[in-house]
Amino acid sequence: IGHSHGGFISMGYAVRHGQYLDGLVLLNTTLRHDVGAEEAKIILSALESEPARCDAVALFRETGGRLGTVHNDLDLAQKMRRLLPAYFYDMEAMRRFSTLARSSRPPSSGALARVPKDLEPWVQDGLPGVDVPTLVITGVYDAATPPAASRYITDLIQGARLEIFGSSGHHPWVEHPALFRQTLHAFLARLDKSPEGRQKWTSHPWVDVG
């Protein structure tokens, strides 16, 4: 299971080491930052209609949602707090997430600096050869990795299934925990328990839920 940039890392692992996987779950991720760029503008405009999000949307537009230049850990934490309303559709879910985040390890600007800024093209080139049951999940209001980015990925992976959560942004498991668990459990239940660890996964172009 990989979320956001972790989803890109998971796709890279599936390309190079797919034989070790029984299944692949990709959450709110992308292969290319340009895919869905126009859709992201529409999403940001919709989010901006709520005054509490205006500062977050302005910073998102300024940085492309990727935090921009970060000087230290405090600067990173402040920018993350400012951006957060642009990553959620449900503001109450955002507040719950923020409370949990404050009790976890603080963000590291050093770790962020080591994350590659460019997405390696070999991952995209290798996805058509991935033969692993794959579930792709995203949110209708995810401006960071818009639904178009998930459709693009789904089209490249043979038999992949796409679930688009309504009224959800970049963290669907926080905004719709029960629906997320149901969707994930249904996918996992269909994975073969045979020694080969594979089962034919019935594909659907995409399903809009929630």
N, C-alpha and C. Protein backbone atom coordinates (compact mmCIF):
# COMPACT_ATOMS: atom_id res chain seq x y z
N ILE A 1 0.85 -1.18 0.00
CA ILE A 1 0.00 0.00 0.00
C ILE A 1 0.89 1.23 0.00
N GLY A 2 0.65 2.14 -0.95
CA GLY A 2 1.44 3.36 -1.01
C GLY A 2 0.54 4.56 -1.23
N HIS A 3 0.80 5.64 -0.47
CA HIS A 3 0.01 6.87 -0.57
C HIS A 3 0.87 8.00 -1.09
N SER A 4 0.34 8.80 -2.01
CA SER A 4 1.00 9.99 -2.53
C SER A 4 2.36 9.61 -3.13
N HIS A 5 3.46 10.21 -2.65
CA HIS A 5 4.76 9.82 -3.20
C HIS A 5 5.08 8.36 -2.87
N GLY A 6 4.53 7.88 -1.75
CA GLY A 6 4.69 6.46 -1.42
C GLY A 6 4.05 5.56 -2.45
N GLY A 7 2.98 6.05 -3.10
CA GLY A 7 2.37 5.29 -4.18
C GLY A 7 3.29 5.18 -5.37
N PHE A 8 4.03 6.26 -5.66
CA PHE A 8 4.99 6.21 -6.76
C PHE A 8 6.10 5.21 -6.45
N ILE A 9 6.57 5.21 -5.20
CA ILE A 9 7.60 4.25 -4.78
C ILE A 9 7.05 2.83 -4.92
N SER A 10 5.79 2.62 -4.53
CA SER A 10 5.18 1.29 -4.63
C SER A 10 5.07 0.84 -6.08
N MET A 11 4.74 1.76 -6.98
CA MET A 11 4.68 1.40 -8.40
C MET A 11 6.06 1.01 -8.91
N GLY A 12 7.09 1.72 -8.48
CA GLY A 12 8.45 1.37 -8.87
C GLY A 12 8.83 -0.02 -8.39
N TYR A 13 8.42 -0.34 -7.15
CA TYR A 13 8.71 -1.68 -6.61
C TYR A 13 7.97 -2.74 -7.43
N ALA A 14 6.71 -2.45 -7.79
CA ALA A 14 5.94 -3.43 -8.57
C ALA A 14 6.56 -3.65 -9.94
N VAL A 15 7.12 -2.60 -10.53
CA VAL A 15 7.76 -2.73 -11.84
C VAL A 15 8.98 -3.64 -11.74
N ARG A 16 9.78 -3.47 -10.72
CA ARG A 16 11.05 -4.20 -10.61
C ARG A 16 10.94 -5.51 -9.84
N HIS A 17 9.99 -5.60 -8.92
CA HIS A 17 9.92 -6.78 -8.05
C HIS A 17 8.49 -7.28 -7.89
N GLY A 18 7.68 -7.15 -8.93
CA GLY A 18 6.28 -7.53 -8.85
C GLY A 18 6.06 -8.99 -8.50
N GLN A 19 7.05 -9.83 -8.75
CA GLN A 19 6.89 -11.26 -8.47
C GLN A 19 6.75 -11.53 -6.97
N TYR A 20 7.11 -10.56 -6.14
CA TYR A 20 7.02 -10.74 -4.70
C TYR A 20 5.71 -10.19 -4.12
N LEU A 21 4.84 -9.67 -4.97
CA LEU A 21 3.61 -9.04 -4.50
C LEU A 21 2.39 -9.90 -4.80
N ASP A 22 1.46 -9.96 -3.84
CA ASP A 22 0.16 -10.58 -4.07
C ASP A 22 -0.86 -9.54 -4.54
N GLY A 23 -0.65 -8.29 -4.19
CA GLY A 23 -1.56 -7.23 -4.58
C GLY A 23 -0.91 -5.88 -4.39
N LEU A 24 -1.50 -4.86 -5.00
CA LEU A 24 -0.95 -3.51 -4.95
C LEU A 24 -2.11 -2.54 -4.75
N VAL A 25 -1.99 -1.67 -3.75
CA VAL A 25 -3.00 -0.65 -3.47
C VAL A 25 -2.33 0.72 -3.57
N LEU A 26 -2.84 1.56 -4.45
CA LEU A 26 -2.26 2.88 -4.71
C LEU A 26 -3.27 3.95 -4.30
N LEU A 27 -2.88 4.79 -3.35
CA LEU A 27 -3.76 5.81 -2.81
C LEU A 27 -3.31 7.20 -3.23
N ASN A 28 -4.17 7.92 -3.94
CA ASN A 28 -3.93 9.35 -4.21
C ASN A 28 -2.50 9.60 -4.66
N THR A 29 -2.14 9.04 -5.78
CA THR A 29 -0.77 9.15 -6.26
C THR A 29 -0.76 9.56 -7.73
N THR A 30 0.43 9.72 -8.29
CA THR A 30 0.55 10.15 -9.68
C THR A 30 1.85 9.64 -10.27
N LEU A 31 1.88 9.61 -11.59
CA LEU A 31 3.11 9.27 -12.32
C LEU A 31 3.80 10.51 -12.86
N ARG A 32 2.99 11.54 -13.14
CA ARG A 32 3.52 12.77 -13.73
C ARG A 32 2.75 13.96 -13.17
N HIS A 33 3.47 15.00 -12.79
CA HIS A 33 2.81 16.15 -12.18
C HIS A 33 1.93 16.92 -13.16
N ASP A 34 2.13 16.71 -14.47
CA ASP A 34 1.32 17.45 -15.44
C ASP A 34 -0.02 16.78 -15.72
N VAL A 35 -0.16 15.51 -15.37
CA VAL A 35 -1.42 14.81 -15.61
C VAL A 35 -2.47 15.32 -14.61
N GLY A 36 -3.56 15.83 -15.13
CA GLY A 36 -4.62 16.35 -14.27
C GLY A 36 -4.43 17.78 -13.83
N ALA A 37 -3.48 18.50 -14.43
CA ALA A 37 -3.20 19.87 -14.00
C ALA A 37 -4.42 20.78 -14.16
N GLU A 38 -5.14 20.64 -15.26
CA GLU A 38 -6.33 21.47 -15.47
C GLU A 38 -7.44 21.09 -14.49
N GLU A 39 -7.55 19.81 -14.22
CA GLU A 39 -8.55 19.35 -13.25
C GLU A 39 -8.23 19.90 -11.86
N ALA A 40 -6.95 19.96 -11.53
CA ALA A 40 -6.53 20.50 -10.23
C ALA A 40 -6.96 21.96 -10.07
N LYS A 41 -6.88 22.73 -11.15
CA LYS A 41 -7.30 24.14 -11.10
C LYS A 41 -8.79 24.24 -10.77
N ILE A 42 -9.59 23.35 -11.36
CA ILE A 42 -11.03 23.36 -11.10
C ILE A 42 -11.31 22.99 -9.65
N ILE A 43 -10.59 21.99 -9.15
CA ILE A 43 -10.77 21.56 -7.76
C ILE A 43 -10.41 22.68 -6.80
N LEU A 44 -9.29 23.36 -7.05
CA LEU A 44 -8.86 24.45 -6.17
C LEU A 44 -9.89 25.58 -6.17
N SER A 45 -10.45 25.87 -7.33
CA SER A 45 -11.48 26.92 -7.40
C SER A 45 -12.70 26.54 -6.57
N ALA A 46 -13.07 25.26 -6.61
CA ALA A 46 -14.21 24.80 -5.82
C ALA A 46 -13.91 24.89 -4.32
N LEU A 47 -12.71 24.50 -3.92
CA LEU A 47 -12.33 24.57 -2.51
C LEU A 47 -12.25 26.01 -2.03
N GLU A 48 -11.82 26.89 -2.92
CA GLU A 48 -11.61 28.29 -2.56
C GLU A 48 -12.92 29.02 -2.24
N SER A 49 -14.04 28.43 -2.63
CA SER A 49 -15.33 29.07 -2.35
C SER A 49 -15.61 29.13 -0.85
N GLU A 50 -14.91 28.34 -0.07
CA GLU A 50 -15.03 28.37 1.39
C GLU A 50 -13.92 29.26 1.95
N PRO A 51 -14.26 30.38 2.60
CA PRO A 51 -13.24 31.34 3.05
C PRO A 51 -12.12 30.74 3.89
N ALA A 52 -12.43 29.73 4.69
CA ALA A 52 -11.42 29.14 5.57
C ALA A 52 -10.30 28.47 4.79
N ARG A 53 -10.51 28.25 3.50
CA ARG A 53 -9.50 27.57 2.69
C ARG A 53 -8.67 28.54 1.84
N CYS A 54 -9.02 29.79 1.82
CA CYS A 54 -8.40 30.72 0.85
C CYS A 54 -6.89 30.79 0.99
N ASP A 55 -6.39 30.89 2.22
CA ASP A 55 -4.94 30.97 2.42
C ASP A 55 -4.26 29.69 1.95
N ALA A 56 -4.87 28.54 2.26
CA ALA A 56 -4.30 27.25 1.86
C ALA A 56 -4.26 27.12 0.34
N VAL A 57 -5.33 27.52 -0.32
CA VAL A 57 -5.38 27.43 -1.78
C VAL A 57 -4.36 28.36 -2.41
N ALA A 58 -4.20 29.56 -1.84
CA ALA A 58 -3.21 30.50 -2.38
C ALA A 58 -1.80 29.93 -2.27
N LEU A 59 -1.48 29.32 -1.13
CA LEU A 59 -0.16 28.71 -0.95
C LEU A 59 0.00 27.50 -1.87
N PHE A 60 -1.07 26.73 -2.04
CA PHE A 60 -1.03 25.57 -2.93
C PHE A 60 -0.70 26.01 -4.35
N ARG A 61 -1.36 27.07 -4.82
CA ARG A 61 -1.09 27.57 -6.17
C ARG A 61 0.35 28.06 -6.29
N GLU A 62 0.84 28.70 -5.24
CA GLU A 62 2.20 29.25 -5.26
C GLU A 62 3.26 28.15 -5.33
N THR A 63 3.01 27.04 -4.64
CA THR A 63 4.01 25.98 -4.52
C THR A 63 3.69 24.75 -5.35
N GLY A 64 2.51 24.71 -5.98
CA GLY A 64 2.09 23.50 -6.66
C GLY A 64 1.73 22.40 -5.68
N GLY A 65 1.46 22.79 -4.43
CA GLY A 65 1.10 21.82 -3.40
C GLY A 65 2.26 21.02 -2.89
N ARG A 66 3.49 21.42 -3.26
CA ARG A 66 4.65 20.62 -2.88
C ARG A 66 5.58 21.38 -1.93
N LEU A 67 5.03 22.32 -1.17
CA LEU A 67 5.70 23.00 -0.05
C LEU A 67 6.75 24.02 -0.47
N GLY A 68 7.28 23.93 -1.67
CA GLY A 68 8.26 24.91 -2.12
C GLY A 68 9.56 24.83 -1.34
N THR A 69 10.24 25.97 -1.20
CA THR A 69 11.51 26.01 -0.47
C THR A 69 11.23 25.95 1.03
N VAL A 70 11.86 25.00 1.71
CA VAL A 70 11.69 24.84 3.16
C VAL A 70 13.03 25.07 3.83
N HIS A 71 13.07 25.95 4.83
CA HIS A 71 14.34 26.36 5.44
C HIS A 71 14.72 25.51 6.65
N ASN A 72 13.74 25.02 7.39
CA ASN A 72 14.03 24.23 8.59
C ASN A 72 12.76 23.47 8.99
N ASP A 73 12.84 22.70 10.07
CA ASP A 73 11.70 21.88 10.50
C ASP A 73 10.49 22.74 10.87
N LEU A 74 10.74 23.87 11.54
CA LEU A 74 9.63 24.75 11.94
C LEU A 74 8.94 25.33 10.71
N ASP A 75 9.72 25.75 9.73
CA ASP A 75 9.16 26.29 8.49
C ASP A 75 8.31 25.23 7.79
N LEU A 76 8.80 23.99 7.77
CA LEU A 76 8.07 22.89 7.15
C LEU A 76 6.74 22.66 7.87
N ALA A 77 6.77 22.61 9.20
CA ALA A 77 5.55 22.37 9.97
C ALA A 77 4.52 23.48 9.74
N GLN A 78 4.99 24.73 9.68
CA GLN A 78 4.08 25.86 9.46
C GLN A 78 3.45 25.80 8.07
N LYS A 79 4.24 25.45 7.06
CA LYS A 79 3.69 25.36 5.71
C LYS A 79 2.71 24.20 5.58
N MET A 80 3.02 23.10 6.24
CA MET A 80 2.10 21.95 6.21
C MET A 80 0.76 22.32 6.84
N ARG A 81 0.81 23.04 7.96
CA ARG A 81 -0.44 23.47 8.61
C ARG A 81 -1.23 24.41 7.71
N ARG A 82 -0.54 25.31 7.03
CA ARG A 82 -1.23 26.25 6.14
C ARG A 82 -1.86 25.53 4.95
N LEU A 83 -1.17 24.52 4.42
CA LEU A 83 -1.65 23.82 3.23
C LEU A 83 -2.79 22.85 3.52
N LEU A 84 -2.89 22.38 4.74
CA LEU A 84 -3.77 21.26 5.06
C LEU A 84 -5.21 21.45 4.57
N PRO A 85 -5.84 22.63 4.72
CA PRO A 85 -7.23 22.76 4.26
C PRO A 85 -7.41 22.54 2.76
N ALA A 86 -6.35 22.65 1.98
CA ALA A 86 -6.46 22.39 0.54
C ALA A 86 -6.37 20.90 0.23
N TYR A 87 -6.01 20.09 1.22
CA TYR A 87 -5.86 18.65 1.01
C TYR A 87 -7.09 17.87 1.49
N PHE A 88 -8.03 18.54 2.12
CA PHE A 88 -9.22 17.88 2.65
C PHE A 88 -10.48 18.54 2.10
N TYR A 89 -11.51 17.72 1.90
CA TYR A 89 -12.84 18.25 1.60
C TYR A 89 -13.62 18.44 2.89
N ASP A 90 -13.49 17.49 3.80
CA ASP A 90 -14.20 17.51 5.08
C ASP A 90 -13.32 18.20 6.12
N MET A 91 -13.70 19.42 6.52
CA MET A 91 -12.87 20.18 7.44
C MET A 91 -12.82 19.55 8.83
N GLU A 92 -13.89 18.89 9.25
CA GLU A 92 -13.86 18.22 10.55
C GLU A 92 -12.87 17.05 10.52
N ALA A 93 -12.84 16.31 9.42
CA ALA A 93 -11.85 15.24 9.27
C ALA A 93 -10.44 15.81 9.27
N MET A 94 -10.28 16.98 8.67
CA MET A 94 -8.97 17.63 8.67
C MET A 94 -8.53 17.96 10.09
N ARG A 95 -9.46 18.44 10.92
CA ARG A 95 -9.11 18.77 12.30
C ARG A 95 -8.72 17.52 13.08
N ARG A 96 -9.42 16.41 12.84
CA ARG A 96 -9.05 15.15 13.51
C ARG A 96 -7.65 14.72 13.08
N PHE A 97 -7.39 14.82 11.80
CA PHE A 97 -6.08 14.45 11.26
C PHE A 97 -5.00 15.33 11.87
N SER A 98 -5.26 16.62 11.96
CA SER A 98 -4.29 17.57 12.50
C SER A 98 -3.97 17.26 13.95
N THR A 99 -5.00 16.89 14.73
CA THR A 99 -4.78 16.54 16.14
C THR A 99 -3.88 15.32 16.26
N LEU A 100 -4.14 14.31 15.45
CA LEU A 100 -3.30 13.11 15.47
C LEU A 100 -1.88 13.43 15.02
N ALA A 101 -1.75 14.28 14.01
CA ALA A 101 -0.43 14.62 13.48
C ALA A 101 0.42 15.32 14.53
N ARG A 102 -0.21 16.15 15.36
CA ARG A 102 0.55 16.87 16.38
C ARG A 102 1.13 15.94 17.43
N SER A 103 0.52 14.76 17.60
CA SER A 103 1.02 13.81 18.60
C SER A 103 2.05 12.84 18.03
N SER A 104 2.35 12.96 16.73
CA SER A 104 3.32 12.07 16.10
C SER A 104 4.67 12.77 15.98
N ARG A 105 5.62 12.12 15.35
CA ARG A 105 6.94 12.72 15.18
C ARG A 105 6.84 13.99 14.34
N PRO A 106 7.58 15.04 14.70
CA PRO A 106 7.52 16.27 13.91
C PRO A 106 8.09 16.06 12.52
N PRO A 107 7.61 16.84 11.54
CA PRO A 107 8.13 16.70 10.17
C PRO A 107 9.59 17.09 10.09
N SER A 108 10.32 16.43 9.19
CA SER A 108 11.76 16.65 9.05
C SER A 108 12.06 17.31 7.71
N SER A 109 12.60 18.52 7.75
CA SER A 109 12.97 19.20 6.51
C SER A 109 14.13 18.48 5.83
N GLY A 110 15.00 17.83 6.63
CA GLY A 110 16.11 17.07 6.06
C GLY A 110 15.62 15.88 5.26
N ALA A 111 14.61 15.18 5.80
CA ALA A 111 14.04 14.03 5.09
C ALA A 111 13.35 14.49 3.81
N LEU A 112 12.63 15.62 3.88
CA LEU A 112 11.96 16.15 2.70
C LEU A 112 12.96 16.50 1.60
N ALA A 113 14.10 17.04 2.00
CA ALA A 113 15.11 17.44 1.01
C ALA A 113 15.67 16.24 0.24
N ARG A 114 15.58 15.05 0.85
CA ARG A 114 16.11 13.85 0.19
C ARG A 114 15.10 13.19 -0.74
N VAL A 115 13.86 13.66 -0.73
CA VAL A 115 12.84 13.10 -1.62
C VAL A 115 13.07 13.64 -3.03
N PRO A 116 13.22 12.77 -4.02
CA PRO A 116 13.45 13.24 -5.40
C PRO A 116 12.32 14.15 -5.87
N LYS A 117 12.68 15.24 -6.51
CA LYS A 117 11.67 16.19 -6.99
C LYS A 117 11.05 15.74 -8.31
N ASP A 118 11.78 14.96 -9.09
CA ASP A 118 11.28 14.50 -10.38
C ASP A 118 10.90 13.02 -10.29
N LEU A 119 9.82 12.65 -10.95
CA LEU A 119 9.36 11.27 -10.97
C LEU A 119 10.04 10.53 -12.11
N GLU A 120 10.73 9.45 -11.80
CA GLU A 120 11.52 8.73 -12.78
C GLU A 120 10.64 8.11 -13.87
N PRO A 121 10.94 8.36 -15.15
CA PRO A 121 10.08 7.88 -16.25
C PRO A 121 10.05 6.37 -16.39
N TRP A 122 11.06 5.66 -15.88
CA TRP A 122 11.07 4.21 -16.05
C TRP A 122 9.91 3.55 -15.32
N VAL A 123 9.39 4.20 -14.29
CA VAL A 123 8.24 3.63 -13.57
C VAL A 123 7.03 3.60 -14.50
N GLN A 124 6.73 4.71 -15.15
CA GLN A 124 5.62 4.74 -16.10
C GLN A 124 5.84 3.76 -17.24
N ASP A 125 7.05 3.71 -17.76
CA ASP A 125 7.35 2.82 -18.88
C ASP A 125 7.14 1.36 -18.51
N GLY A 126 7.36 1.01 -17.24
CA GLY A 126 7.27 -0.38 -16.83
C GLY A 126 5.91 -0.84 -16.36
N LEU A 127 4.98 0.09 -16.12
CA LEU A 127 3.68 -0.30 -15.56
C LEU A 127 2.87 -1.25 -16.44
N PRO A 128 2.88 -1.12 -17.78
CA PRO A 128 2.11 -2.07 -18.58
C PRO A 128 2.56 -3.52 -18.39
N GLY A 129 3.76 -3.74 -17.90
CA GLY A 129 4.23 -5.10 -17.66
C GLY A 129 3.92 -5.62 -16.27
N VAL A 130 3.31 -4.81 -15.42
CA VAL A 130 2.97 -5.24 -14.06
C VAL A 130 1.77 -6.18 -14.11
N ASP A 131 1.94 -7.37 -13.53
CA ASP A 131 0.88 -8.38 -13.52
C ASP A 131 0.52 -8.68 -12.07
N VAL A 132 -0.01 -7.69 -11.39
CA VAL A 132 -0.37 -7.80 -9.98
C VAL A 132 -1.77 -7.22 -9.81
N PRO A 133 -2.69 -7.91 -9.12
CA PRO A 133 -4.00 -7.31 -8.85
C PRO A 133 -3.82 -5.94 -8.19
N THR A 134 -4.44 -4.92 -8.77
CA THR A 134 -4.17 -3.55 -8.32
C THR A 134 -5.47 -2.79 -8.07
N LEU A 135 -5.51 -2.12 -6.93
CA LEU A 135 -6.61 -1.24 -6.58
C LEU A 135 -6.07 0.18 -6.48
N VAL A 136 -6.70 1.10 -7.20
CA VAL A 136 -6.31 2.52 -7.18
C VAL A 136 -7.46 3.31 -6.55
N ILE A 137 -7.14 4.11 -5.54
CA ILE A 137 -8.16 4.90 -4.84
C ILE A 137 -7.76 6.37 -4.87
N THR A 138 -8.74 7.24 -5.10
CA THR A 138 -8.49 8.67 -5.03
C THR A 138 -9.75 9.38 -4.58
N GLY A 139 -9.67 10.70 -4.41
CA GLY A 139 -10.81 11.50 -4.00
C GLY A 139 -11.17 12.51 -5.07
N VAL A 140 -12.45 12.81 -5.19
CA VAL A 140 -12.93 13.76 -6.20
C VAL A 140 -12.27 15.12 -6.03
N TYR A 141 -12.00 15.51 -4.77
CA TYR A 141 -11.47 16.85 -4.50
C TYR A 141 -9.98 16.82 -4.16
N ASP A 142 -9.25 15.90 -4.72
CA ASP A 142 -7.80 15.84 -4.50
C ASP A 142 -7.09 16.68 -5.56
N ALA A 143 -6.68 17.88 -5.17
CA ALA A 143 -5.97 18.76 -6.11
C ALA A 143 -4.51 18.37 -6.25
N ALA A 144 -3.96 17.69 -5.24
CA ALA A 144 -2.54 17.31 -5.28
C ALA A 144 -2.29 16.20 -6.29
N THR A 145 -3.14 15.19 -6.29
CA THR A 145 -3.07 14.10 -7.27
C THR A 145 -4.49 13.89 -7.80
N PRO A 146 -4.91 14.68 -8.77
CA PRO A 146 -6.31 14.68 -9.22
C PRO A 146 -6.76 13.32 -9.76
N PRO A 147 -8.08 13.09 -9.80
CA PRO A 147 -8.60 11.83 -10.33
C PRO A 147 -8.04 11.47 -11.70
N ALA A 148 -7.77 12.45 -12.54
CA ALA A 148 -7.20 12.15 -13.86
C ALA A 148 -5.88 11.41 -13.75
N ALA A 149 -5.10 11.71 -12.71
CA ALA A 149 -3.82 11.03 -12.51
C ALA A 149 -4.04 9.56 -12.18
N SER A 150 -5.09 9.28 -11.39
CA SER A 150 -5.39 7.89 -11.04
C SER A 150 -5.97 7.13 -12.23
N ARG A 151 -6.77 7.81 -13.06
CA ARG A 151 -7.27 7.16 -14.27
C ARG A 151 -6.12 6.80 -15.20
N TYR A 152 -5.16 7.69 -15.28
CA TYR A 152 -3.98 7.46 -16.13
C TYR A 152 -3.23 6.21 -15.67
N ILE A 153 -3.04 6.08 -14.37
CA ILE A 153 -2.36 4.91 -13.81
C ILE A 153 -3.17 3.65 -14.06
N THR A 154 -4.48 3.74 -13.82
CA THR A 154 -5.36 2.57 -13.98
C THR A 154 -5.33 2.05 -15.42
N ASP A 155 -5.26 2.96 -16.37
CA ASP A 155 -5.22 2.56 -17.78
C ASP A 155 -3.92 1.84 -18.14
N LEU A 156 -2.85 2.09 -17.38
CA LEU A 156 -1.55 1.50 -17.70
C LEU A 156 -1.36 0.12 -17.08
N ILE A 157 -2.03 -0.15 -15.96
CA ILE A 157 -1.83 -1.43 -15.27
C ILE A 157 -2.94 -2.39 -15.67
N GLN A 158 -2.56 -3.51 -16.20
CA GLN A 158 -3.52 -4.49 -16.69
C GLN A 158 -4.47 -4.93 -15.56
N GLY A 159 -5.78 -4.78 -15.79
CA GLY A 159 -6.77 -5.25 -14.84
C GLY A 159 -6.94 -4.40 -13.60
N ALA A 160 -6.31 -3.23 -13.53
CA ALA A 160 -6.43 -2.39 -12.34
C ALA A 160 -7.85 -1.87 -12.18
N ARG A 161 -8.26 -1.69 -10.93
CA ARG A 161 -9.59 -1.17 -10.61
C ARG A 161 -9.43 0.19 -9.94
N LEU A 162 -10.26 1.14 -10.34
CA LEU A 162 -10.21 2.49 -9.79
C LEU A 162 -11.46 2.79 -8.99
N GLU A 163 -11.28 3.27 -7.76
CA GLU A 163 -12.38 3.71 -6.91
C GLU A 163 -12.18 5.20 -6.63
N ILE A 164 -13.17 6.01 -6.98
CA ILE A 164 -13.11 7.45 -6.74
C ILE A 164 -14.10 7.80 -5.63
N PHE A 165 -13.58 8.28 -4.51
CA PHE A 165 -14.43 8.60 -3.36
C PHE A 165 -14.98 10.02 -3.52
N GLY A 166 -16.30 10.15 -3.46
CA GLY A 166 -16.91 11.46 -3.47
C GLY A 166 -16.68 12.18 -2.15
N SER A 167 -16.76 13.51 -2.16
CA SER A 167 -16.60 14.32 -0.94
C SER A 167 -15.32 13.95 -0.19
N SER A 168 -14.23 13.83 -0.94
CA SER A 168 -12.96 13.42 -0.34
C SER A 168 -11.82 14.09 -1.08
N GLY A 169 -10.75 14.38 -0.33
CA GLY A 169 -9.56 14.97 -0.92
C GLY A 169 -8.41 13.99 -0.99
N HIS A 170 -7.26 14.38 -0.43
CA HIS A 170 -6.02 13.61 -0.57
C HIS A 170 -5.89 12.50 0.47
N HIS A 171 -6.81 12.43 1.44
CA HIS A 171 -6.72 11.43 2.51
C HIS A 171 -8.07 10.73 2.70
N PRO A 172 -8.50 9.91 1.75
CA PRO A 172 -9.84 9.32 1.82
C PRO A 172 -10.06 8.40 3.02
N TRP A 173 -9.01 7.78 3.53
CA TRP A 173 -9.19 6.89 4.69
C TRP A 173 -9.49 7.69 5.95
N VAL A 174 -9.16 8.98 5.96
CA VAL A 174 -9.49 9.85 7.10
C VAL A 174 -10.90 10.41 6.93
N GLU A 175 -11.27 10.78 5.72
CA GLU A 175 -12.57 11.40 5.47
C GLU A 175 -13.70 10.38 5.39
N HIS A 176 -13.41 9.18 4.91
CA HIS A 176 -14.42 8.12 4.80
C HIS A 176 -13.84 6.80 5.32
N PRO A 177 -13.56 6.71 6.63
CA PRO A 177 -12.88 5.51 7.15
C PRO A 177 -13.65 4.22 6.94
N ALA A 178 -14.96 4.23 7.15
CA ALA A 178 -15.74 3.00 7.00
C ALA A 178 -15.77 2.54 5.55
N LEU A 179 -16.01 3.46 4.63
CA LEU A 179 -16.02 3.11 3.21
C LEU A 179 -14.65 2.66 2.74
N PHE A 180 -13.61 3.31 3.25
CA PHE A 180 -12.26 2.92 2.88
C PHE A 180 -11.97 1.50 3.34
N ARG A 181 -12.30 1.19 4.60
CA ARG A 181 -12.07 -0.17 5.11
C ARG A 181 -12.85 -1.19 4.29
N GLN A 182 -14.10 -0.88 3.99
CA GLN A 182 -14.93 -1.80 3.20
C GLN A 182 -14.31 -2.06 1.83
N THR A 183 -13.85 -1.00 1.17
CA THR A 183 -13.26 -1.12 -0.16
C THR A 183 -11.97 -1.93 -0.12
N LEU A 184 -11.13 -1.63 0.87
CA LEU A 184 -9.86 -2.34 1.00
C LEU A 184 -10.07 -3.80 1.35
N HIS A 185 -10.98 -4.08 2.29
CA HIS A 185 -11.23 -5.47 2.69
C HIS A 185 -11.79 -6.28 1.53
N ALA A 186 -12.66 -5.68 0.72
CA ALA A 186 -13.23 -6.38 -0.43
C ALA A 186 -12.13 -6.75 -1.42
N PHE A 187 -11.19 -5.84 -1.63
CA PHE A 187 -10.07 -6.12 -2.53
C PHE A 187 -9.20 -7.24 -1.99
N LEU A 188 -8.84 -7.14 -0.72
CA LEU A 188 -7.96 -8.14 -0.12
C LEU A 188 -8.62 -9.51 -0.09
N ALA A 189 -9.94 -9.54 0.12
CA ALA A 189 -10.66 -10.81 0.19
C ALA A 189 -10.63 -11.55 -1.13
N ARG A 190 -10.47 -10.81 -2.22
CA ARG A 190 -10.49 -11.44 -3.54
C ARG A 190 -9.12 -11.90 -4.00
N LEU A 191 -8.11 -11.60 -3.23
CA LEU A 191 -6.79 -12.08 -3.61
C LEU A 191 -6.69 -13.58 -3.33
N ASP A 192 -6.10 -14.29 -4.24
CA ASP A 192 -5.99 -15.74 -4.14
C ASP A 192 -5.10 -16.13 -2.97
N LYS A 193 -5.49 -17.18 -2.25
CA LYS A 193 -4.68 -17.68 -1.15
C LYS A 193 -3.81 -18.86 -1.58
N SER A 194 -3.73 -19.09 -2.88
CA SER A 194 -2.92 -20.19 -3.39
C SER A 194 -1.44 -19.88 -3.22
N PRO A 195 -0.54 -20.90 -3.34
CA PRO A 195 0.90 -20.64 -3.23
C PRO A 195 1.40 -19.58 -4.19
N GLU A 196 0.76 -19.48 -5.36
CA GLU A 196 1.20 -18.47 -6.31
C GLU A 196 0.78 -17.07 -5.88
N GLY A 197 -0.25 -17.01 -5.00
CA GLY A 197 -0.68 -15.73 -4.50
C GLY A 197 -1.35 -14.85 -5.53
N ARG A 198 -1.98 -15.46 -6.54
CA ARG A 198 -2.60 -14.67 -7.61
C ARG A 198 -4.03 -15.14 -7.87
N GLN A 199 -4.84 -14.25 -8.34
CA GLN A 199 -6.20 -14.56 -8.76
C GLN A 199 -6.56 -13.60 -9.87
N LYS A 200 -7.38 -14.02 -10.80
CA LYS A 200 -7.83 -13.09 -11.83
C LYS A 200 -8.69 -12.01 -11.17
N TRP A 201 -8.30 -10.78 -11.38
CA TRP A 201 -8.98 -9.64 -10.79
C TRP A 201 -9.89 -9.02 -11.83
N THR A 202 -11.21 -9.05 -11.58
CA THR A 202 -12.17 -8.51 -12.52
C THR A 202 -12.06 -7.00 -12.56
N SER A 203 -11.77 -6.46 -13.71
CA SER A 203 -11.53 -5.03 -13.84
C SER A 203 -12.80 -4.28 -14.18
N HIS A 204 -12.90 -3.07 -13.63
CA HIS A 204 -13.93 -2.12 -14.02
C HIS A 204 -13.22 -0.82 -14.37
N PRO A 205 -13.67 -0.10 -15.41
CA PRO A 205 -12.97 1.12 -15.80
C PRO A 205 -12.77 2.07 -14.64
N TRP A 206 -13.84 2.40 -13.91
CA TRP A 206 -13.74 3.14 -12.67
C TRP A 206 -15.08 3.15 -11.98
N VAL A 207 -15.07 3.31 -10.70
CA VAL A 207 -16.29 3.30 -9.92
C VAL A 207 -16.28 4.52 -9.02
N ASP A 208 -17.35 5.30 -9.06
CA ASP A 208 -17.47 6.49 -8.22
C ASP A 208 -18.30 6.11 -7.00
N VAL A 209 -17.72 6.23 -5.82
CA VAL A 209 -18.41 5.82 -4.60
C VAL A 209 -18.43 6.97 -3.61
N GLY A 210 -19.35 6.92 -2.69
CA GLY A 210 -19.38 7.89 -1.61
C GLY A 210 -20.17 9.14 -1.97
